[in-house]
């Protein structure tokens, strides 16, 4: 037998439109997702000397493995090869090196360009 709270929840759920249900889920899910994202960013920046795989680094930059391999092979990002004699061996990238590359290649906003042009910081 259902208690009163359970029957009320089910009755309320049945009275919601799809849009209302989606909005309710989004409202409750958004703070959770924001916290997960913030935790990820905090962990990523705190563990700067932790090596990550080529695939993880490519995913973080939002590029494919082939594109990321080209960046690595040009020498734009430092890496450690697990077998230096084999160019196809697994490579590890320090997060600090990935962050340095990202900062160096960061796209400036129009506002940043205007401030630099006007001699502002």
PDB file of N, CA and C in Angstrom:
ATOM      1  N   UNK A   1       0.838  -1.179   0.000  1.00  0.00           N
ATOM      2  CA  UNK A   1       0.000   0.000   0.000  1.00  0.00           C
ATOM      3  C   UNK A   1       0.885   1.245   0.000  1.00  0.00           C
ATOM      4  N   UNK A   2       0.541   2.233  -0.823  1.00  0.00           N
ATOM      5  CA  UNK A   2       1.306   3.475  -0.911  1.00  0.00           C
ATOM      6  C   UNK A   2       0.915   4.402   0.223  1.00  0.00           C
ATOM      7  N   UNK A   3       1.967   5.090   0.756  1.00  0.00           N
ATOM      8  CA  UNK A   3       1.639   6.102   1.758  1.00  0.00           C
ATOM      9  C   UNK A   3       1.153   7.360   1.046  1.00  0.00           C
ATOM     10  N   UNK A   4       0.700   8.328   1.797  1.00  0.00           N
ATOM     11  CA  UNK A   4       0.109   9.543   1.225  1.00  0.00           C
ATOM     12  C   UNK A   4       1.112  10.313   0.374  1.00  0.00           C
ATOM     13  N   UNK A   5       2.368  10.422   0.839  1.00  0.00           N
ATOM     14  CA  UNK A   5       3.379  11.157   0.085  1.00  0.00           C
ATOM     15  C   UNK A   5       3.606  10.546  -1.295  1.00  0.00           C
ATOM     16  N   UNK A   6       3.692   9.216  -1.359  1.00  0.00           N
ATOM     17  CA  UNK A   6       3.913   8.547  -2.646  1.00  0.00           C
ATOM     18  C   UNK A   6       2.744   8.778  -3.591  1.00  0.00           C
ATOM     19  N   UNK A   7       1.529   8.690  -3.108  1.00  0.00           N
ATOM     20  CA  UNK A   7       0.379   8.882  -3.988  1.00  0.00           C
ATOM     21  C   UNK A   7       0.285  10.324  -4.452  1.00  0.00           C
ATOM     22  N   UNK A   8       0.657  11.285  -3.590  1.00  0.00           N
ATOM     23  CA  UNK A   8       0.645  12.682  -4.012  1.00  0.00           C
ATOM     24  C   UNK A   8       1.693  12.936  -5.086  1.00  0.00           C
ATOM     25  N   UNK A   9       2.878  12.353  -4.923  1.00  0.00           N
ATOM     26  CA  UNK A   9       3.929  12.525  -5.925  1.00  0.00           C
ATOM     27  C   UNK A   9       3.476  11.976  -7.264  1.00  0.00           C
ATOM     28  N   UNK A  10       2.878  10.809  -7.259  1.00  0.00           N
ATOM     29  CA  UNK A  10       2.424  10.216  -8.508  1.00  0.00           C
ATOM     30  C   UNK A  10       1.300  11.034  -9.126  1.00  0.00           C
ATOM     31  N   UNK A  11       0.407  11.541  -8.300  1.00  0.00           N
ATOM     32  CA  UNK A  11      -0.694  12.348  -8.816  1.00  0.00           C
ATOM     33  C   UNK A  11      -0.160  13.640  -9.419  1.00  0.00           C
ATOM     34  N   UNK A  12       0.805  14.259  -8.761  1.00  0.00           N
ATOM     35  CA  UNK A  12       1.382  15.496  -9.276  1.00  0.00           C
ATOM     36  C   UNK A  12       2.114  15.221 -10.580  1.00  0.00           C
ATOM     37  N   UNK A  13       2.853  14.145 -10.626  1.00  0.00           N
ATOM     38  CA  UNK A  13       3.614  13.791 -11.819  1.00  0.00           C
ATOM     39  C   UNK A  13       2.681  13.575 -13.008  1.00  0.00           C
ATOM     40  N   UNK A  14       1.541  12.978 -12.785  1.00  0.00           N
ATOM     41  CA  UNK A  14       0.601  12.729 -13.869  1.00  0.00           C
ATOM     42  C   UNK A  14      -0.033  14.016 -14.385  1.00  0.00           C
ATOM     43  N   UNK A  15      -0.102  15.039 -13.551  1.00  0.00           N
ATOM     44  CA  UNK A  15      -0.729  16.287 -13.949  1.00  0.00           C
ATOM     45  C   UNK A  15       0.220  17.233 -14.675  1.00  0.00           C
ATOM     46  N   UNK A  16       1.479  16.890 -14.791  1.00  0.00           N
ATOM     47  CA  UNK A  16       2.447  17.761 -15.444  1.00  0.00           C
ATOM     48  C   UNK A  16       2.457  17.524 -16.949  1.00  0.00           C
ATOM     49  N   UNK A  17       2.601  18.611 -17.679  1.00  0.00           N
ATOM     50  CA  UNK A  17       2.783  18.471 -19.123  1.00  0.00           C
ATOM     51  C   UNK A  17       4.231  18.054 -19.367  1.00  0.00           C
ATOM     52  N   UNK A  18       4.525  17.639 -20.571  1.00  0.00           N
ATOM     53  CA  UNK A  18       5.904  17.264 -20.897  1.00  0.00           C
ATOM     54  C   UNK A  18       6.848  18.438 -20.691  1.00  0.00           C
ATOM     55  N   UNK A  19       6.405  19.620 -21.081  1.00  0.00           N
ATOM     56  CA  UNK A  19       7.231  20.818 -20.933  1.00  0.00           C
ATOM     57  C   UNK A  19       7.473  21.134 -19.463  1.00  0.00           C
ATOM     58  N   UNK A  20       6.434  21.049 -18.648  1.00  0.00           N
ATOM     59  CA  UNK A  20       6.580  21.311 -17.212  1.00  0.00           C
ATOM     60  C   UNK A  20       7.511  20.294 -16.563  1.00  0.00           C
ATOM     61  N   UNK A  21       7.383  19.060 -16.955  1.00  0.00           N
ATOM     62  CA  UNK A  21       8.246  18.018 -16.423  1.00  0.00           C
ATOM     63  C   UNK A  21       9.698  18.271 -16.819  1.00  0.00           C
ATOM     64  N   UNK A  22       9.916  18.614 -18.088  1.00  0.00           N
ATOM     65  CA  UNK A  22      11.276  18.893 -18.559  1.00  0.00           C
ATOM     66  C   UNK A  22      11.860  20.097 -17.834  1.00  0.00           C
ATOM     67  N   UNK A  23      11.068  21.135 -17.633  1.00  0.00           N
ATOM     68  CA  UNK A  23      11.548  22.326 -16.928  1.00  0.00           C
ATOM     69  C   UNK A  23      11.892  21.993 -15.478  1.00  0.00           C
ATOM     70  N   UNK A  24      11.075  21.174 -14.853  1.00  0.00           N
ATOM     71  CA  UNK A  24      11.342  20.768 -13.471  1.00  0.00           C
ATOM     72  C   UNK A  24      12.622  19.968 -13.354  1.00  0.00           C
ATOM     73  N   UNK A  25      12.825  19.056 -14.288  1.00  0.00           N
ATOM     74  CA  UNK A  25      14.045  18.249 -14.285  1.00  0.00           C
ATOM     75  C   UNK A  25      15.254  19.145 -14.531  1.00  0.00           C
ATOM     76  N   UNK A  26      15.151  20.036 -15.512  1.00  0.00           N
ATOM     77  CA  UNK A  26      16.263  20.940 -15.834  1.00  0.00           C
ATOM     78  C   UNK A  26      16.600  21.827 -14.642  1.00  0.00           C
ATOM     79  N   UNK A  27      15.586  22.339 -13.981  1.00  0.00           N
ATOM     80  CA  UNK A  27      15.797  23.216 -12.825  1.00  0.00           C
ATOM     81  C   UNK A  27      16.562  22.492 -11.727  1.00  0.00           C
ATOM     82  N   UNK A  28      16.237  21.241 -11.507  1.00  0.00           N
ATOM     83  CA  UNK A  28      16.903  20.471 -10.451  1.00  0.00           C
ATOM     84  C   UNK A  28      18.224  19.877 -10.899  1.00  0.00           C
ATOM     85  N   UNK A  29      18.392  19.674 -12.185  1.00  0.00           N
ATOM     86  CA  UNK A  29      19.604  19.056 -12.705  1.00  0.00           C
ATOM     87  C   UNK A  29      20.720  20.070 -12.921  1.00  0.00           C
ATOM     88  N   UNK A  30      20.373  21.303 -13.274  1.00  0.00           N
ATOM     89  CA  UNK A  30      21.377  22.320 -13.594  1.00  0.00           C
ATOM     90  C   UNK A  30      22.367  22.570 -12.458  1.00  0.00           C
ATOM     91  N   UNK A  31      21.937  22.759 -11.206  1.00  0.00           N
ATOM     92  CA  UNK A  31      22.928  22.963 -10.133  1.00  0.00           C
ATOM     93  C   UNK A  31      23.880  21.773  -9.990  1.00  0.00           C
ATOM     94  N   UNK A  32      23.363  20.571 -10.165  1.00  0.00           N
ATOM     95  CA  UNK A  32      24.198  19.374 -10.089  1.00  0.00           C
ATOM     96  C   UNK A  32      25.245  19.381 -11.199  1.00  0.00           C
ATOM     97  N   UNK A  33      24.831  19.691 -12.428  1.00  0.00           N
ATOM     98  CA  UNK A  33      25.763  19.710 -13.553  1.00  0.00           C
ATOM     99  C   UNK A  33      26.814  20.804 -13.391  1.00  0.00           C
ATOM    100  N   UNK A  34      26.403  21.971 -12.903  1.00  0.00           N
ATOM    101  CA  UNK A  34      27.351  23.059 -12.669  1.00  0.00           C
ATOM    102  C   UNK A  34      28.396  22.647 -11.639  1.00  0.00           C
ATOM    103  N   UNK A  35      27.954  21.979 -10.568  1.00  0.00           N
ATOM    104  CA  UNK A  35      28.890  21.534  -9.537  1.00  0.00           C
ATOM    105  C   UNK A  35      29.854  20.495 -10.097  1.00  0.00           C
ATOM    106  N   UNK A  36      29.363  19.571 -10.905  1.00  0.00           N
ATOM    107  CA  UNK A  36      30.220  18.556 -11.521  1.00  0.00           C
ATOM    108  C   UNK A  36      31.265  19.215 -12.410  1.00  0.00           C
ATOM    109  N   UNK A  37      30.849  20.198 -13.198  1.00  0.00           N
ATOM    110  CA  UNK A  37      31.767  20.915 -14.079  1.00  0.00           C
ATOM    111  C   UNK A  37      32.820  21.663 -13.261  1.00  0.00           C
ATOM    112  N   UNK A  38      32.376  22.381 -12.237  1.00  0.00           N
ATOM    113  CA  UNK A  38      33.311  23.118 -11.390  1.00  0.00           C
ATOM    114  C   UNK A  38      34.299  22.188 -10.694  1.00  0.00           C
ATOM    115  N   UNK A  39      33.826  21.041 -10.240  1.00  0.00           N
ATOM    116  CA  UNK A  39      34.719  20.060  -9.611  1.00  0.00           C
ATOM    117  C   UNK A  39      35.756  19.568 -10.609  1.00  0.00           C
ATOM    118  N   UNK A  40      35.320  19.316 -11.851  1.00  0.00           N
ATOM    119  CA  UNK A  40      36.238  18.854 -12.898  1.00  0.00           C
ATOM    120  C   UNK A  40      37.311  19.903 -13.169  1.00  0.00           C
ATOM    121  N   UNK A  41      36.894  21.153 -13.336  1.00  0.00           N
ATOM    122  CA  UNK A  41      37.839  22.236 -13.621  1.00  0.00           C
ATOM    123  C   UNK A  41      38.816  22.413 -12.466  1.00  0.00           C
ATOM    124  N   UNK A  42      38.312  22.394 -11.246  1.00  0.00           N
ATOM    125  CA  UNK A  42      39.173  22.543 -10.074  1.00  0.00           C
ATOM    126  C   UNK A  42      40.200  21.432 -10.021  1.00  0.00           C
ATOM    127  N   UNK A  43      39.754  20.199 -10.225  1.00  0.00           N
ATOM    128  CA  UNK A  43      40.669  19.057 -10.202  1.00  0.00           C
ATOM    129  C   UNK A  43      41.688  19.160 -11.324  1.00  0.00           C
ATOM    130  N   UNK A  44      41.235  19.561 -12.507  1.00  0.00           N
ATOM    131  CA  UNK A  44      42.137  19.653 -13.653  1.00  0.00           C
ATOM    132  C   UNK A  44      43.247  20.657 -13.385  1.00  0.00           C
ATOM    133  N   UNK A  45      42.905  21.810 -12.844  1.00  0.00           N
ATOM    134  CA  UNK A  45      43.902  22.849 -12.615  1.00  0.00           C
ATOM    135  C   UNK A  45      44.778  22.572 -11.394  1.00  0.00           C
ATOM    136  N   UNK A  46      44.271  21.822 -10.420  1.00  0.00           N
ATOM    137  CA  UNK A  46      45.071  21.516  -9.242  1.00  0.00           C
ATOM    138  C   UNK A  46      46.121  20.453  -9.536  1.00  0.00           C
ATOM    139  N   UNK A  47      45.802  19.517 -10.382  1.00  0.00           N
ATOM    140  CA  UNK A  47      46.712  18.413 -10.686  1.00  0.00           C
ATOM    141  C   UNK A  47      47.494  18.701 -11.959  1.00  0.00           C
ATOM    142  N   UNK A  48      48.218  19.813 -11.978  1.00  0.00           N
ATOM    143  CA  UNK A  48      48.901  20.243 -13.190  1.00  0.00           C
ATOM    144  C   UNK A  48      50.021  19.301 -13.619  1.00  0.00           C
ATOM    145  N   UNK A  49      50.635  18.614 -12.687  1.00  0.00           N
ATOM    146  CA  UNK A  49      51.760  17.754 -13.029  1.00  0.00           C
ATOM    147  C   UNK A  49      51.365  16.294 -13.209  1.00  0.00           C
ATOM    148  N   UNK A  50      50.085  16.045 -13.338  1.00  0.00           N
ATOM    149  CA  UNK A  50      49.602  14.692 -13.588  1.00  0.00           C
ATOM    150  C   UNK A  50      49.582  14.475 -15.100  1.00  0.00           C
ATOM    151  N   UNK A  51      50.214  13.405 -15.568  1.00  0.00           N
ATOM    152  CA  UNK A  51      50.188  13.159 -17.019  1.00  0.00           C
ATOM    153  C   UNK A  51      48.826  12.647 -17.471  1.00  0.00           C
ATOM    154  N   UNK A  52      48.441  13.056 -18.668  1.00  0.00           N
ATOM    155  CA  UNK A  52      47.202  12.557 -19.266  1.00  0.00           C
ATOM    156  C   UNK A  52      47.536  11.995 -20.647  1.00  0.00           C
ATOM    157  N   UNK A  53      46.672  11.165 -21.131  1.00  0.00           N
ATOM    158  CA  UNK A  53      46.912  10.530 -22.425  1.00  0.00           C
ATOM    159  C   UNK A  53      46.665  11.519 -23.564  1.00  0.00           C
ATOM    160  N   UNK A  54      47.195  11.182 -24.707  1.00  0.00           N
ATOM    161  CA  UNK A  54      46.999  11.976 -25.919  1.00  0.00           C
ATOM    162  C   UNK A  54      45.509  12.110 -26.210  1.00  0.00           C
ATOM    163  N   UNK A  55      44.781  11.041 -26.057  1.00  0.00           N
ATOM    164  CA  UNK A  55      43.341  11.063 -26.339  1.00  0.00           C
ATOM    165  C   UNK A  55      42.600  11.997 -25.376  1.00  0.00           C
ATOM    166  N   UNK A  56      42.936  11.931 -24.087  1.00  0.00           N
ATOM    167  CA  UNK A  56      42.286  12.813 -23.115  1.00  0.00           C
ATOM    168  C   UNK A  56      42.626  14.271 -23.383  1.00  0.00           C
ATOM    169  N   UNK A  57      43.873  14.542 -23.734  1.00  0.00           N
ATOM    170  CA  UNK A  57      44.295  15.912 -24.030  1.00  0.00           C
ATOM    171  C   UNK A  57      43.563  16.432 -25.264  1.00  0.00           C
ATOM    172  N   UNK A  58      43.435  15.598 -26.280  1.00  0.00           N
ATOM    173  CA  UNK A  58      42.714  15.992 -27.499  1.00  0.00           C
ATOM    174  C   UNK A  58      41.252  16.287 -27.171  1.00  0.00           C
ATOM    175  N   UNK A  59      40.650  15.439 -26.364  1.00  0.00           N
ATOM    176  CA  UNK A  59      39.252  15.659 -25.965  1.00  0.00           C
ATOM    177  C   UNK A  59      39.105  16.959 -25.198  1.00  0.00           C
ATOM    178  N   UNK A  60      40.056  17.243 -24.328  1.00  0.00           N
ATOM    179  CA  UNK A  60      39.982  18.471 -23.541  1.00  0.00           C
ATOM    180  C   UNK A  60      40.057  19.698 -24.444  1.00  0.00           C
ATOM    181  N   UNK A  61      40.896  19.648 -25.471  1.00  0.00           N
ATOM    182  CA  UNK A  61      41.007  20.773 -26.404  1.00  0.00           C
ATOM    183  C   UNK A  61      39.850  20.810 -27.399  1.00  0.00           C
ATOM    184  N   UNK A  62      39.137  19.703 -27.518  1.00  0.00           N
ATOM    185  CA  UNK A  62      38.024  19.650 -28.455  1.00  0.00           C
ATOM    186  C   UNK A  62      38.462  19.418 -29.884  1.00  0.00           C
ATOM    187  N   UNK A  63      39.592  18.731 -30.046  1.00  0.00           N
ATOM    188  CA  UNK A  63      40.081  18.405 -31.388  1.00  0.00           C
ATOM    189  C   UNK A  63      40.211  16.887 -31.499  1.00  0.00           C
ATOM    190  N   UNK A  64      40.306  16.421 -32.715  1.00  0.00           N
ATOM    191  CA  UNK A  64      40.477  14.996 -32.947  1.00  0.00           C
ATOM    192  C   UNK A  64      41.897  14.543 -32.636  1.00  0.00           C
ATOM    193  N   UNK A  65      42.069  13.233 -32.518  1.00  0.00           N
ATOM    194  CA  UNK A  65      43.398  12.688 -32.200  1.00  0.00           C
ATOM    195  C   UNK A  65      44.403  12.997 -33.303  1.00  0.00           C
ATOM    196  N   UNK A  66      43.966  12.958 -34.561  1.00  0.00           N
ATOM    197  CA  UNK A  66      44.879  13.240 -35.670  1.00  0.00           C
ATOM    198  C   UNK A  66      45.375  14.680 -35.598  1.00  0.00           C
ATOM    199  N   UNK A  67      44.462  15.611 -35.374  1.00  0.00           N
ATOM    200  CA  UNK A  67      44.840  17.026 -35.251  1.00  0.00           C
ATOM    201  C   UNK A  67      45.769  17.217 -34.066  1.00  0.00           C
ATOM    202  N   UNK A  68      45.441  16.571 -32.958  1.00  0.00           N
ATOM    203  CA  UNK A  68      46.279  16.719 -31.772  1.00  0.00           C
ATOM    204  C   UNK A  68      47.663  16.121 -32.017  1.00  0.00           C
ATOM    205  N   UNK A  69      47.721  15.011 -32.730  1.00  0.00           N
ATOM    206  CA  UNK A  69      49.025  14.409 -33.066  1.00  0.00           C
ATOM    207  C   UNK A  69      49.873  15.376 -33.882  1.00  0.00           C
ATOM    208  N   UNK A  70      49.250  16.104 -34.789  1.00  0.00           N
ATOM    209  CA  UNK A  70      49.982  17.094 -35.587  1.00  0.00           C
ATOM    210  C   UNK A  70      50.534  18.201 -34.694  1.00  0.00           C
ATOM    211  N   UNK A  71      49.746  18.641 -33.729  1.00  0.00           N
ATOM    212  CA  UNK A  71      50.200  19.668 -32.788  1.00  0.00           C
ATOM    213  C   UNK A  71      51.411  19.151 -32.003  1.00  0.00           C
ATOM    214  N   UNK A  72      51.323  17.920 -31.564  1.00  0.00           N
ATOM    215  CA  UNK A  72      52.412  17.298 -30.799  1.00  0.00           C
ATOM    216  C   UNK A  72      53.658  17.165 -31.676  1.00  0.00           C
ATOM    217  N   UNK A  73      53.467  16.667 -32.887  1.00  0.00           N
ATOM    218  CA  UNK A  73      54.612  16.433 -33.781  1.00  0.00           C
ATOM    219  C   UNK A  73      55.297  17.722 -34.218  1.00  0.00           C
ATOM    220  N   UNK A  74      54.560  18.835 -34.227  1.00  0.00           N
ATOM    221  CA  UNK A  74      55.172  20.134 -34.526  1.00  0.00           C
ATOM    222  C   UNK A  74      56.001  20.643 -33.355  1.00  0.00           C
ATOM    223  N   UNK A  75      55.824  20.027 -32.201  1.00  0.00           N
ATOM    224  CA  UNK A  75      56.572  20.449 -31.017  1.00  0.00           C
ATOM    225  C   UNK A  75      55.893  21.568 -30.250  1.00  0.00           C
ATOM    226  N   UNK A  76      54.617  21.802 -30.517  1.00  0.00           N
ATOM    227  CA  UNK A  76      53.894  22.873 -29.837  1.00  0.00           C
ATOM    228  C   UNK A  76      53.594  22.539 -28.376  1.00  0.00           C
ATOM    229  N   UNK A  77      53.506  21.256 -28.064  1.00  0.00           N
ATOM    230  CA  UNK A  77      53.233  20.811 -26.693  1.00  0.00           C
ATOM    231  C   UNK A  77      54.269  19.752 -26.326  1.00  0.00           C
ATOM    232  N   UNK A  78      54.868  19.925 -25.168  1.00  0.00           N
ATOM    233  CA  UNK A  78      55.825  18.935 -24.670  1.00  0.00           C
ATOM    234  C   UNK A  78      55.091  17.630 -24.355  1.00  0.00           C
ATOM    235  N   UNK A  79      55.787  16.521 -24.512  1.00  0.00           N
ATOM    236  CA  UNK A  79      55.200  15.227 -24.166  1.00  0.00           C
ATOM    237  C   UNK A  79      56.307  14.262 -23.774  1.00  0.00           C
ATOM    238  N   UNK A  80      55.901  13.180 -23.154  1.00  0.00           N
ATOM    239  CA  UNK A  80      56.825  12.105 -22.802  1.00  0.00           C
ATOM    240  C   UNK A  80      56.356  10.853 -23.517  1.00  0.00           C
ATOM    241  N   UNK A  81      57.251  10.234 -24.233  1.00  0.00           N
ATOM    242  CA  UNK A  81      56.915   9.000 -24.939  1.00  0.00           C
ATOM    243  C   UNK A  81      57.277   7.824 -24.044  1.00  0.00           C
ATOM    244  N   UNK A  82      56.401   6.833 -23.972  1.00  0.00           N
ATOM    245  CA  UNK A  82      56.684   5.652 -23.164  1.00  0.00           C
ATOM    246  C   UNK A  82      57.761   4.782 -23.798  1.00  0.00           C
ATOM    247  N   UNK A  83      57.961   4.955 -25.119  1.00  0.00           N
ATOM    248  CA  UNK A  83      59.011   4.235 -25.820  1.00  0.00           C
ATOM    249  C   UNK A  83      59.582   5.181 -26.878  1.00  0.00           C
ATOM    250  N   UNK A  84      60.592   5.971 -26.507  1.00  0.00           N
ATOM    251  CA  UNK A  84      61.122   6.990 -27.430  1.00  0.00           C
ATOM    252  C   UNK A  84      61.619   6.432 -28.767  1.00  0.00           C
ATOM    253  N   UNK A  85      61.970   5.135 -28.821  1.00  0.00           N
ATOM    254  CA  UNK A  85      62.451   4.531 -30.062  1.00  0.00           C
ATOM    255  C   UNK A  85      61.321   4.249 -31.053  1.00  0.00           C
ATOM    256  N   UNK A  86      60.096   4.262 -30.568  1.00  0.00           N
ATOM    257  CA  UNK A  86      58.948   3.961 -31.419  1.00  0.00           C
ATOM    258  C   UNK A  86      58.064   5.209 -31.513  1.00  0.00           C
ATOM    259  N   UNK A  87      58.028   5.874 -32.681  1.00  0.00           N
ATOM    260  CA  UNK A  87      57.234   7.101 -32.805  1.00  0.00           C
ATOM    261  C   UNK A  87      55.735   6.886 -32.598  1.00  0.00           C
ATOM    262  N   UNK A  88      55.279   5.639 -32.698  1.00  0.00           N
ATOM    263  CA  UNK A  88      53.857   5.356 -32.529  1.00  0.00           C
ATOM    264  C   UNK A  88      53.500   4.920 -31.106  1.00  0.00           C
ATOM    265  N   UNK A  89      54.490   4.958 -30.206  1.00  0.00           N
ATOM    266  CA  UNK A  89      54.211   4.524 -28.843  1.00  0.00           C
ATOM    267  C   UNK A  89      53.336   5.549 -28.124  1.00  0.00           C
ATOM    268  N   UNK A  90      52.752   5.114 -27.031  1.00  0.00           N
ATOM    269  CA  UNK A  90      51.861   5.979 -26.251  1.00  0.00           C
ATOM    270  C   UNK A  90      52.630   7.184 -25.732  1.00  0.00           C
ATOM    271  N   UNK A  91      51.970   8.332 -25.801  1.00  0.00           N
ATOM    272  CA  UNK A  91      52.567   9.578 -25.339  1.00  0.00           C
ATOM    273  C   UNK A  91      51.732  10.120 -24.179  1.00  0.00           C
ATOM    274  N   UNK A  92      52.423  10.705 -23.218  1.00  0.00           N
ATOM    275  CA  UNK A  92      51.749  11.337 -22.091  1.00  0.00           C
ATOM    276  C   UNK A  92      52.073  12.821 -22.087  1.00  0.00           C
ATOM    277  N   UNK A  93      51.068  13.618 -21.775  1.00  0.00           N
ATOM    278  CA  UNK A  93      51.210  15.067 -21.756  1.00  0.00           C
ATOM    279  C   UNK A  93      50.914  15.534 -20.338  1.00  0.00           C
ATOM    280  N   UNK A  94      51.770  16.412 -19.799  1.00  0.00           N
ATOM    281  CA  UNK A  94      51.475  16.982 -18.492  1.00  0.00           C
ATOM    282  C   UNK A  94      50.380  18.028 -18.652  1.00  0.00           C
ATOM    283  N   UNK A  95      49.487  18.063 -17.697  1.00  0.00           N
ATOM    284  CA  UNK A  95      48.406  19.053 -17.766  1.00  0.00           C
ATOM    285  C   UNK A  95      48.969  20.467 -17.808  1.00  0.00           C
ATOM    286  N   UNK A  96      50.063  20.698 -17.096  1.00  0.00           N
ATOM    287  CA  UNK A  96      50.660  22.043 -17.088  1.00  0.00           C
ATOM    288  C   UNK A  96      51.115  22.436 -18.492  1.00  0.00           C
ATOM    289  N   UNK A  97      51.645  21.481 -19.263  1.00  0.00           N
ATOM    290  CA  UNK A  97      52.061  21.773 -20.638  1.00  0.00           C
ATOM    291  C   UNK A  97      50.848  22.037 -21.536  1.00  0.00           C
ATOM    292  N   UNK A  98      49.778  21.298 -21.306  1.00  0.00           N
ATOM    293  CA  UNK A  98      48.548  21.512 -22.075  1.00  0.00           C
ATOM    294  C   UNK A  98      47.960  22.888 -21.749  1.00  0.00           C
ATOM    295  N   UNK A  99      47.952  23.255 -20.472  1.00  0.00           N
ATOM    296  CA  UNK A  99      47.440  24.566 -20.067  1.00  0.00           C
ATOM    297  C   UNK A  99      48.287  25.691 -20.644  1.00  0.00           C
ATOM    298  N   UNK A 100      49.609  25.511 -20.671  1.00  0.00           N
ATOM    299  CA  UNK A 100      50.506  26.522 -21.244  1.00  0.00           C
ATOM    300  C   UNK A 100      50.209  26.705 -22.733  1.00  0.00           C
ATOM    301  N   UNK A 101      50.003  25.602 -23.440  1.00  0.00           N
ATOM    302  CA  UNK A 101      49.661  25.674 -24.864  1.00  0.00           C
ATOM    303  C   UNK A 101      48.337  26.416 -25.059  1.00  0.00           C
ATOM    304  N   UNK A 102      47.359  26.104 -24.217  1.00  0.00           N
ATOM    305  CA  UNK A 102      46.049  26.745 -24.335  1.00  0.00           C
ATOM    306  C   UNK A 102      46.158  28.246 -24.081  1.00  0.00           C
ATOM    307  N   UNK A 103      46.926  28.637 -23.087  1.00  0.00           N
ATOM    308  CA  UNK A 103      47.089  30.058 -22.781  1.00  0.00           C
ATOM    309  C   UNK A 103      47.805  30.779 -23.928  1.00  0.00           C
ATOM    310  N   UNK A 104      48.830  30.145 -24.462  1.00  0.00           N
ATOM    311  CA  UNK A 104      49.603  30.737 -25.555  1.00  0.00           C
ATOM    312  C   UNK A 104      48.741  30.919 -26.814  1.00  0.00           C
ATOM    313  N   UNK A 105      47.828  30.011 -27.048  1.00  0.00           N
ATOM    314  CA  UNK A 105      47.014  30.019 -28.268  1.00  0.00           C
ATOM    315  C   UNK A 105      45.578  30.470 -28.027  1.00  0.00           C
ATOM    316  N   UNK A 106      45.352  31.109 -26.909  1.00  0.00           N
ATOM    317  CA  UNK A 106      44.009  31.560 -26.555  1.00  0.00           C
ATOM    318  C   UNK A 106      43.566  32.660 -27.519  1.00  0.00           C
ATOM    319  N   UNK A 107      42.334  32.581 -27.948  1.00  0.00           N
ATOM    320  CA  UNK A 107      41.758  33.594 -28.820  1.00  0.00           C
ATOM    321  C   UNK A 107      41.294  34.761 -27.959  1.00  0.00           C
ATOM    322  N   UNK A 108      41.641  35.954 -28.363  1.00  0.00           N
ATOM    323  CA  UNK A 108      41.263  37.140 -27.603  1.00  0.00           C
ATOM    324  C   UNK A 108      39.871  37.605 -28.015  1.00  0.00           C
ATOM    325  N   UNK A 109      39.157  38.163 -27.048  1.00  0.00           N
ATOM    326  CA  UNK A 109      37.853  38.741 -27.339  1.00  0.00           C
ATOM    327  C   UNK A 109      38.058  40.124 -27.952  1.00  0.00           C
ATOM    328  N   UNK A 110      37.036  40.650 -28.568  1.00  0.00           N
ATOM    329  CA  UNK A 110      37.101  41.988 -29.154  1.00  0.00           C
ATOM    330  C   UNK A 110      37.406  43.009 -28.063  1.00  0.00           C
ATOM    331  N   UNK A 111      36.807  42.826 -26.893  1.00  0.00           N
ATOM    332  CA  UNK A 111      37.052  43.752 -25.782  1.00  0.00           C
ATOM    333  C   UNK A 111      38.520  43.736 -25.362  1.00  0.00           C
ATOM    334  N   UNK A 112      39.134  42.565 -25.314  1.00  0.00           N
ATOM    335  CA  UNK A 112      40.549  42.472 -24.956  1.00  0.00           C
ATOM    336  C   UNK A 112      41.419  43.171 -25.999  1.00  0.00           C
ATOM    337  N   UNK A 113      41.099  42.992 -27.260  1.00  0.00           N
ATOM    338  CA  UNK A 113      41.864  43.635 -28.332  1.00  0.00           C
ATOM    339  C   UNK A 113      41.729  45.156 -28.227  1.00  0.00           C
ATOM    340  N   UNK A 114      40.513  45.649 -27.967  1.00  0.00           N
ATOM    341  CA  UNK A 114      40.289  47.095 -27.822  1.00  0.00           C
ATOM    342  C   UNK A 114      41.088  47.653 -26.649  1.00  0.00           C
ATOM    343  N   UNK A 115      41.059  46.938 -25.509  1.00  0.00           N
ATOM    344  CA  UNK A 115      41.795  47.412 -24.333  1.00  0.00           C
ATOM    345  C   UNK A 115      43.285  47.460 -24.610  1.00  0.00           C
ATOM    346  N   UNK A 116      43.825  46.439 -25.275  1.00  0.00           N
ATOM    347  CA  UNK A 116      45.246  46.429 -25.607  1.00  0.00           C
ATOM    348  C   UNK A 116      45.585  47.574 -26.557  1.00  0.00           C
ATOM    349  N   UNK A 117      44.723  47.823 -27.528  1.00  0.00           N
ATOM    350  CA  UNK A 117      44.942  48.892 -28.494  1.00  0.00           C
ATOM    351  C   UNK A 117      44.967  50.256 -27.798  1.00  0.00           C
ATOM    352  N   UNK A 118      44.123  50.406 -26.787  1.00  0.00           N
ATOM    353  CA  UNK A 118      44.033  51.668 -26.053  1.00  0.00           C
ATOM    354  C   UNK A 118      45.042  51.737 -24.900  1.00  0.00           C
ATOM    355  N   UNK A 119      45.888  50.752 -24.774  1.00  0.00           N
ATOM    356  CA  UNK A 119      46.916  50.753 -23.742  1.00  0.00           C
ATOM    357  C   UNK A 119      46.401  50.408 -22.366  1.00  0.00           C
ATOM    358  N   UNK A 120      45.232  49.804 -22.287  1.00  0.00           N
ATOM    359  CA  UNK A 120      44.651  49.397 -21.010  1.00  0.00           C
ATOM    360  C   UNK A 120      45.005  47.940 -20.727  1.00  0.00           C
ATOM    361  N   UNK A 121      44.820  47.573 -19.485  1.00  0.00           N
ATOM    362  CA  UNK A 121      45.055  46.157 -19.127  1.00  0.00           C
ATOM    363  C   UNK A 121      43.776  45.435 -18.959  1.00  0.00           C
TER     364      UNK A 121
END
